[in-house]
Amino acid sequence: MNRIAIYLLALGAFVLGTAEFIVSGILEIISGDFDVSISLAGQLVTIYALFYAFGALVLVMLTAKFERKKYYYIP
């Protein structure tokens, strides 16, 4: 049970971490829609990554006092 939870957590972190690269594939469309340069639209990737990193840190700090669910391994 614990291995499945760890694999799912790792998969979720991978998917969320790579989601910021989706924006790089549609930069030309975004820059055309907002009438800005592609380099300015490219800063969306950086902004997303920074909010993701700092948001995760804040979320961990805010939930640090919550009691964690304990799993017991019974062979």
PDB file of N, CA and C in Angstrom:
ATOM      1  N   MET A   1       0.812  -1.199   0.000  1.00  0.00           N
ATOM      2  CA  MET A   1       0.000   0.000   0.000  1.00  0.00           C
ATOM      3  C   MET A   1       0.858   1.266   0.000  1.00  0.00           C
ATOM      4  N   ASN A   2       1.920   1.265   0.779  1.00  0.00           N
ATOM      5  CA  ASN A   2       2.768   2.451   0.847  1.00  0.00           C
ATOM      6  C   ASN A   2       3.497   2.699  -0.467  1.00  0.00           C
ATOM      7  N   ARG A   3       3.890   1.635  -1.146  1.00  0.00           N
ATOM      8  CA  ARG A   3       4.590   1.810  -2.418  1.00  0.00           C
ATOM      9  C   ARG A   3       3.677   2.441  -3.450  1.00  0.00           C
ATOM     10  N   ILE A   4       2.432   2.024  -3.467  1.00  0.00           N
ATOM     11  CA  ILE A   4       1.492   2.594  -4.429  1.00  0.00           C
ATOM     12  C   ILE A   4       1.301   4.084  -4.158  1.00  0.00           C
ATOM     13  N   ALA A   5       1.173   4.450  -2.900  1.00  0.00           N
ATOM     14  CA  ALA A   5       0.993   5.863  -2.543  1.00  0.00           C
ATOM     15  C   ALA A   5       2.218   6.682  -2.931  1.00  0.00           C
ATOM     16  N   ILE A   6       3.392   6.139  -2.733  1.00  0.00           N
ATOM     17  CA  ILE A   6       4.622   6.858  -3.091  1.00  0.00           C
ATOM     18  C   ILE A   6       4.728   7.020  -4.594  1.00  0.00           C
ATOM     19  N   TYR A   7       4.396   5.974  -5.350  1.00  0.00           N
ATOM     20  CA  TYR A   7       4.447   6.065  -6.804  1.00  0.00           C
ATOM     21  C   TYR A   7       3.424   7.075  -7.328  1.00  0.00           C
ATOM     22  N   LEU A   8       2.243   7.096  -6.744  1.00  0.00           N
ATOM     23  CA  LEU A   8       1.235   8.064  -7.159  1.00  0.00           C
ATOM     24  C   LEU A   8       1.653   9.489  -6.824  1.00  0.00           C
ATOM     25  N   LEU A   9       2.259   9.671  -5.666  1.00  0.00           N
ATOM     26  CA  LEU A   9       2.757  10.991  -5.289  1.00  0.00           C
ATOM     27  C   LEU A   9       3.861  11.448  -6.238  1.00  0.00           C
ATOM     28  N   ALA A  10       4.772  10.559  -6.568  1.00  0.00           N
ATOM     29  CA  ALA A  10       5.843  10.898  -7.500  1.00  0.00           C
ATOM     30  C   ALA A  10       5.286  11.214  -8.884  1.00  0.00           C
ATOM     31  N   LEU A  11       4.306  10.453  -9.335  1.00  0.00           N
ATOM     32  CA  LEU A  11       3.694  10.719 -10.630  1.00  0.00           C
ATOM     33  C   LEU A  11       2.988  12.066 -10.633  1.00  0.00           C
ATOM     34  N   GLY A  12       2.266  12.373  -9.564  1.00  0.00           N
ATOM     35  CA  GLY A  12       1.591  13.666  -9.465  1.00  0.00           C
ATOM     36  C   GLY A  12       2.575  14.834  -9.472  1.00  0.00           C
ATOM     37  N   ALA A  13       3.681  14.688  -8.750  1.00  0.00           N
ATOM     38  CA  ALA A  13       4.697  15.743  -8.733  1.00  0.00           C
ATOM     39  C   ALA A  13       5.330  15.917 -10.111  1.00  0.00           C
ATOM     40  N   PHE A  14       5.542  14.805 -10.808  1.00  0.00           N
ATOM     41  CA  PHE A  14       6.110  14.877 -12.151  1.00  0.00           C
ATOM     42  C   PHE A  14       5.156  15.594 -13.109  1.00  0.00           C
ATOM     43  N   VAL A  15       3.885  15.240 -13.047  1.00  0.00           N
ATOM     44  CA  VAL A  15       2.898  15.852 -13.943  1.00  0.00           C
ATOM     45  C   VAL A  15       2.767  17.341 -13.663  1.00  0.00           C
ATOM     46  N   LEU A  16       2.686  17.717 -12.400  1.00  0.00           N
ATOM     47  CA  LEU A  16       2.568  19.133 -12.070  1.00  0.00           C
ATOM     48  C   LEU A  16       3.832  19.905 -12.430  1.00  0.00           C
ATOM     49  N   GLY A  17       4.983  19.287 -12.238  1.00  0.00           N
ATOM     50  CA  GLY A  17       6.237  19.956 -12.556  1.00  0.00           C
ATOM     51  C   GLY A  17       6.442  20.157 -14.041  1.00  0.00           C
ATOM     52  N   THR A  18       5.973  19.222 -14.850  1.00  0.00           N
ATOM     53  CA  THR A  18       6.150  19.359 -16.294  1.00  0.00           C
ATOM     54  C   THR A  18       5.039  20.162 -16.950  1.00  0.00           C
ATOM     55  N   ALA A  19       3.985  20.450 -16.222  1.00  0.00           N
ATOM     56  CA  ALA A  19       2.874  21.223 -16.794  1.00  0.00           C
ATOM     57  C   ALA A  19       3.302  22.628 -17.180  1.00  0.00           C
ATOM     58  N   GLU A  20       4.319  23.152 -16.539  1.00  0.00           N
ATOM     59  CA  GLU A  20       4.767  24.499 -16.887  1.00  0.00           C
ATOM     60  C   GLU A  20       5.374  24.559 -18.276  1.00  0.00           C
ATOM     61  N   PHE A  21       5.801  23.424 -18.816  1.00  0.00           N
ATOM     62  CA  PHE A  21       6.391  23.413 -20.147  1.00  0.00           C
ATOM     63  C   PHE A  21       5.339  23.385 -21.250  1.00  0.00           C
ATOM     64  N   ILE A  22       4.088  23.173 -20.891  1.00  0.00           N
ATOM     65  CA  ILE A  22       3.017  23.223 -21.887  1.00  0.00           C
ATOM     66  C   ILE A  22       2.918  24.629 -22.460  1.00  0.00           C
ATOM     67  N   VAL A  23       3.140  25.610 -21.617  1.00  0.00           N
ATOM     68  CA  VAL A  23       3.045  27.002 -22.056  1.00  0.00           C
ATOM     69  C   VAL A  23       4.064  27.293 -23.155  1.00  0.00           C
ATOM     70  N   SER A  24       5.240  26.697 -23.073  1.00  0.00           N
ATOM     71  CA  SER A  24       6.270  26.987 -24.073  1.00  0.00           C
ATOM     72  C   SER A  24       5.868  26.523 -25.470  1.00  0.00           C
ATOM     73  N   GLY A  25       4.981  25.555 -25.567  1.00  0.00           N
ATOM     74  CA  GLY A  25       4.537  25.099 -26.875  1.00  0.00           C
ATOM     75  C   GLY A  25       3.508  26.009 -27.516  1.00  0.00           C
ATOM     76  N   ILE A  26       2.869  26.834 -26.735  1.00  0.00           N
ATOM     77  CA  ILE A  26       1.827  27.711 -27.272  1.00  0.00           C
ATOM     78  C   ILE A  26       2.161  29.186 -27.067  1.00  0.00           C
ATOM     79  N   LEU A  27       3.444  29.492 -26.948  1.00  0.00           N
ATOM     80  CA  LEU A  27       3.855  30.882 -26.699  1.00  0.00           C
ATOM     81  C   LEU A  27       3.440  31.814 -27.826  1.00  0.00           C
ATOM     82  N   GLU A  28       3.550  31.353 -29.045  1.00  0.00           N
ATOM     83  CA  GLU A  28       3.207  32.215 -30.180  1.00  0.00           C
ATOM     84  C   GLU A  28       1.718  32.573 -30.162  1.00  0.00           C
ATOM     85  N   ILE A  29       0.886  31.620 -29.810  1.00  0.00           N
ATOM     86  CA  ILE A  29      -0.557  31.875 -29.736  1.00  0.00           C
ATOM     87  C   ILE A  29      -0.871  32.842 -28.600  1.00  0.00           C
ATOM     88  N   ILE A  30      -0.226  32.630 -27.448  1.00  0.00           N
ATOM     89  CA  ILE A  30      -0.452  33.512 -26.296  1.00  0.00           C
ATOM     90  C   ILE A  30      -0.005  34.933 -26.607  1.00  0.00           C
ATOM     91  N   SER A  31       1.184  35.063 -27.221  1.00  0.00           N
ATOM     92  CA  SER A  31       1.682  36.405 -27.522  1.00  0.00           C
ATOM     93  C   SER A  31       0.785  37.108 -28.539  1.00  0.00           C
ATOM     94  N   GLY A  32       0.221  36.360 -29.479  1.00  0.00           N
ATOM     95  CA  GLY A  32      -0.694  36.971 -30.444  1.00  0.00           C
ATOM     96  C   GLY A  32      -2.001  37.394 -29.797  1.00  0.00           C
ATOM     97  N   ASP A  33      -2.525  36.575 -28.894  1.00  0.00           N
ATOM     98  CA  ASP A  33      -3.786  36.903 -28.234  1.00  0.00           C
ATOM     99  C   ASP A  33      -3.668  38.131 -27.330  1.00  0.00           C
ATOM    100  N   PHE A  34      -2.550  38.235 -26.629  1.00  0.00           N
ATOM    101  CA  PHE A  34      -2.366  39.363 -25.715  1.00  0.00           C
ATOM    102  C   PHE A  34      -1.640  40.544 -26.352  1.00  0.00           C
ATOM    103  N   ASP A  35      -1.233  40.370 -27.614  1.00  0.00           N
ATOM    104  CA  ASP A  35      -0.525  41.417 -28.359  1.00  0.00           C
ATOM    105  C   ASP A  35       0.746  41.867 -27.629  1.00  0.00           C
ATOM    106  N   VAL A  36       1.538  40.895 -27.209  1.00  0.00           N
ATOM    107  CA  VAL A  36       2.831  41.156 -26.572  1.00  0.00           C
ATOM    108  C   VAL A  36       3.892  40.350 -27.318  1.00  0.00           C
ATOM    109  N   SER A  37       5.148  40.607 -27.015  1.00  0.00           N
ATOM    110  CA  SER A  37       6.225  39.858 -27.665  1.00  0.00           C
ATOM    111  C   SER A  37       6.274  38.431 -27.123  1.00  0.00           C
ATOM    112  N   ILE A  38       6.920  37.560 -27.902  1.00  0.00           N
ATOM    113  CA  ILE A  38       7.037  36.162 -27.480  1.00  0.00           C
ATOM    114  C   ILE A  38       7.897  36.055 -26.224  1.00  0.00           C
ATOM    115  N   SER A  39       8.918  36.892 -26.105  1.00  0.00           N
ATOM    116  CA  SER A  39       9.767  36.840 -24.908  1.00  0.00           C
ATOM    117  C   SER A  39       8.994  37.250 -23.659  1.00  0.00           C
ATOM    118  N   LEU A  40       8.120  38.228 -23.793  1.00  0.00           N
ATOM    119  CA  LEU A  40       7.308  38.632 -22.634  1.00  0.00           C
ATOM    120  C   LEU A  40       6.316  37.532 -22.277  1.00  0.00           C
ATOM    121  N   ALA A  41       5.739  36.914 -23.285  1.00  0.00           N
ATOM    122  CA  ALA A  41       4.833  35.794 -23.020  1.00  0.00           C
ATOM    123  C   ALA A  41       5.604  34.612 -22.434  1.00  0.00           C
ATOM    124  N   GLY A  42       6.867  34.467 -22.792  1.00  0.00           N
ATOM    125  CA  GLY A  42       7.695  33.391 -22.258  1.00  0.00           C
ATOM    126  C   GLY A  42       7.967  33.526 -20.780  1.00  0.00           C
ATOM    127  N   GLN A  43       7.831  34.718 -20.274  1.00  0.00           N
ATOM    128  CA  GLN A  43       8.022  34.903 -18.841  1.00  0.00           C
ATOM    129  C   GLN A  43       6.910  34.253 -18.033  1.00  0.00           C
ATOM    130  N   LEU A  44       5.830  33.860 -18.694  1.00  0.00           N
ATOM    131  CA  LEU A  44       4.778  33.114 -18.016  1.00  0.00           C
ATOM    132  C   LEU A  44       5.309  31.810 -17.443  1.00  0.00           C
ATOM    133  N   VAL A  45       6.222  31.185 -18.159  1.00  0.00           N
ATOM    134  CA  VAL A  45       6.812  29.933 -17.676  1.00  0.00           C
ATOM    135  C   VAL A  45       7.572  30.180 -16.384  1.00  0.00           C
ATOM    136  N   THR A  46       8.343  31.246 -16.349  1.00  0.00           N
ATOM    137  CA  THR A  46       9.107  31.579 -15.152  1.00  0.00           C
ATOM    138  C   THR A  46       8.185  31.942 -13.995  1.00  0.00           C
ATOM    139  N   ILE A  47       7.159  32.721 -14.272  1.00  0.00           N
ATOM    140  CA  ILE A  47       6.226  33.119 -13.220  1.00  0.00           C
ATOM    141  C   ILE A  47       5.515  31.900 -12.649  1.00  0.00           C
ATOM    142  N   TYR A  48       5.082  30.994 -13.533  1.00  0.00           N
ATOM    143  CA  TYR A  48       4.413  29.777 -13.052  1.00  0.00           C
ATOM    144  C   TYR A  48       5.355  28.956 -12.176  1.00  0.00           C
ATOM    145  N   ALA A  49       6.595  28.786 -12.617  1.00  0.00           N
ATOM    146  CA  ALA A  49       7.550  27.987 -11.850  1.00  0.00           C
ATOM    147  C   ALA A  49       7.830  28.607 -10.481  1.00  0.00           C
ATOM    148  N   LEU A  50       7.937  29.923 -10.428  1.00  0.00           N
ATOM    149  CA  LEU A  50       8.191  30.589  -9.146  1.00  0.00           C
ATOM    150  C   LEU A  50       6.999  30.455  -8.199  1.00  0.00           C
ATOM    151  N   PHE A  51       5.798  30.658  -8.719  1.00  0.00           N
ATOM    152  CA  PHE A  51       4.615  30.503  -7.871  1.00  0.00           C
ATOM    153  C   PHE A  51       4.456  29.056  -7.414  1.00  0.00           C
ATOM    154  N   TYR A  52       4.796  28.115  -8.267  1.00  0.00           N
ATOM    155  CA  TYR A  52       4.715  26.702  -7.903  1.00  0.00           C
ATOM    156  C   TYR A  52       5.692  26.387  -6.772  1.00  0.00           C
ATOM    157  N   ALA A  53       6.915  26.876  -6.892  1.00  0.00           N
ATOM    158  CA  ALA A  53       7.934  26.599  -5.879  1.00  0.00           C
ATOM    159  C   ALA A  53       7.602  27.267  -4.546  1.00  0.00           C
ATOM    160  N   PHE A  54       7.286  28.545  -4.584  1.00  0.00           N
ATOM    161  CA  PHE A  54       6.990  29.254  -3.339  1.00  0.00           C
ATOM    162  C   PHE A  54       5.642  28.833  -2.754  1.00  0.00           C
ATOM    163  N   GLY A  55       4.685  28.530  -3.613  1.00  0.00           N
ATOM    164  CA  GLY A  55       3.388  28.066  -3.135  1.00  0.00           C
ATOM    165  C   GLY A  55       3.490  26.737  -2.411  1.00  0.00           C
ATOM    166  N   ALA A  56       4.313  25.846  -2.928  1.00  0.00           N
ATOM    167  CA  ALA A  56       4.516  24.553  -2.267  1.00  0.00           C
ATOM    168  C   ALA A  56       5.164  24.755  -0.898  1.00  0.00           C
ATOM    169  N   LEU A  57       6.120  25.657  -0.818  1.00  0.00           N
ATOM    170  CA  LEU A  57       6.784  25.943   0.451  1.00  0.00           C
ATOM    171  C   LEU A  57       5.796  26.512   1.474  1.00  0.00           C
ATOM    172  N   VAL A  58       4.979  27.454   1.043  1.00  0.00           N
ATOM    173  CA  VAL A  58       3.991  28.055   1.947  1.00  0.00           C
ATOM    174  C   VAL A  58       2.967  27.007   2.388  1.00  0.00           C
ATOM    175  N   LEU A  59       2.533  26.170   1.464  1.00  0.00           N
ATOM    176  CA  LEU A  59       1.566  25.134   1.804  1.00  0.00           C
ATOM    177  C   LEU A  59       2.133  24.156   2.827  1.00  0.00           C
ATOM    178  N   VAL A  60       3.382  23.786   2.685  1.00  0.00           N
ATOM    179  CA  VAL A  60       4.017  22.890   3.656  1.00  0.00           C
ATOM    180  C   VAL A  60       4.126  23.575   5.019  1.00  0.00           C
ATOM    181  N   MET A  61       4.472  24.839   5.024  1.00  0.00           N
ATOM    182  CA  MET A  61       4.597  25.558   6.291  1.00  0.00           C
ATOM    183  C   MET A  61       3.246  25.708   6.988  1.00  0.00           C
ATOM    184  N   LEU A  62       2.189  25.945   6.214  1.00  0.00           N
ATOM    185  CA  LEU A  62       0.868  26.116   6.810  1.00  0.00           C
ATOM    186  C   LEU A  62       0.281  24.803   7.326  1.00  0.00           C
ATOM    187  N   THR A  63       0.638  23.709   6.729  1.00  0.00           N
ATOM    188  CA  THR A  63       0.078  22.420   7.135  1.00  0.00           C
ATOM    189  C   THR A  63       1.031  21.607   8.000  1.00  0.00           C
ATOM    190  N   ALA A  64       2.107  22.198   8.453  1.00  0.00           N
ATOM    191  CA  ALA A  64       3.102  21.454   9.236  1.00  0.00           C
ATOM    192  C   ALA A  64       2.548  20.990  10.581  1.00  0.00           C
ATOM    193  N   LYS A  65       1.603  21.708  11.129  1.00  0.00           N
ATOM    194  CA  LYS A  65       1.082  21.351  12.449  1.00  0.00           C
ATOM    195  C   LYS A  65      -0.044  20.335  12.399  1.00  0.00           C
ATOM    196  N   PHE A  66      -0.536  20.026  11.199  1.00  0.00           N
ATOM    197  CA  PHE A  66      -1.579  19.018  11.083  1.00  0.00           C
ATOM    198  C   PHE A  66      -1.014  17.644  11.378  1.00  0.00           C
ATOM    199  N   GLU A  67      -1.797  16.851  12.047  1.00  0.00           N
ATOM    200  CA  GLU A  67      -1.337  15.499  12.348  1.00  0.00           C
ATOM    201  C   GLU A  67      -1.369  14.659  11.080  1.00  0.00           C
ATOM    202  N   ARG A  68      -0.300  13.936  10.868  1.00  0.00           N
ATOM    203  CA  ARG A  68      -0.200  13.090   9.689  1.00  0.00           C
ATOM    204  C   ARG A  68      -0.905  11.773   9.936  1.00  0.00           C
ATOM    205  N   LYS A  69      -1.477  11.234   8.894  1.00  0.00           N
ATOM    206  CA  LYS A  69      -2.126   9.944   8.990  1.00  0.00           C
ATOM    207  C   LYS A  69      -1.040   8.894   9.079  1.00  0.00           C
ATOM    208  N   LYS A  70      -1.194   7.974  10.010  1.00  0.00           N
ATOM    209  CA  LYS A  70      -0.168   6.954  10.222  1.00  0.00           C
ATOM    210  C   LYS A  70      -0.621   5.656   9.587  1.00  0.00           C
ATOM    211  N   TYR A  71       0.286   5.054   8.855  1.00  0.00           N
ATOM    212  CA  TYR A  71       0.027   3.763   8.253  1.00  0.00           C
ATOM    213  C   TYR A  71       0.809   2.706   9.015  1.00  0.00           C
ATOM    214  N   TYR A  72       0.167   1.648   9.282  1.00  0.00           N
ATOM    215  CA  TYR A  72       0.827   0.562   9.988  1.00  0.00           C
ATOM    216  C   TYR A  72       0.962  -0.628   9.049  1.00  0.00           C
ATOM    217  N   TYR A  73       2.151  -1.133   8.977  1.00  0.00           N
ATOM    218  CA  TYR A  73       2.402  -2.286   8.118  1.00  0.00           C
ATOM    219  C   TYR A  73       2.172  -3.568   8.927  1.00  0.00           C
ATOM    220  N   ILE A  74       1.262  -4.363   8.440  1.00  0.00           N
ATOM    221  CA  ILE A  74       0.974  -5.631   9.098  1.00  0.00           C
ATOM    222  C   ILE A  74       1.309  -6.744   8.127  1.00  0.00           C
ATOM    223  N   PRO A  75       2.347  -7.504   8.417  1.00  0.00           N
ATOM    224  CA  PRO A  75       2.754  -8.562   7.466  1.00  0.00           C
ATOM    225  C   PRO A  75       1.767  -9.712   7.408  1.00  0.00           C
TER     226      PRO A  75
END
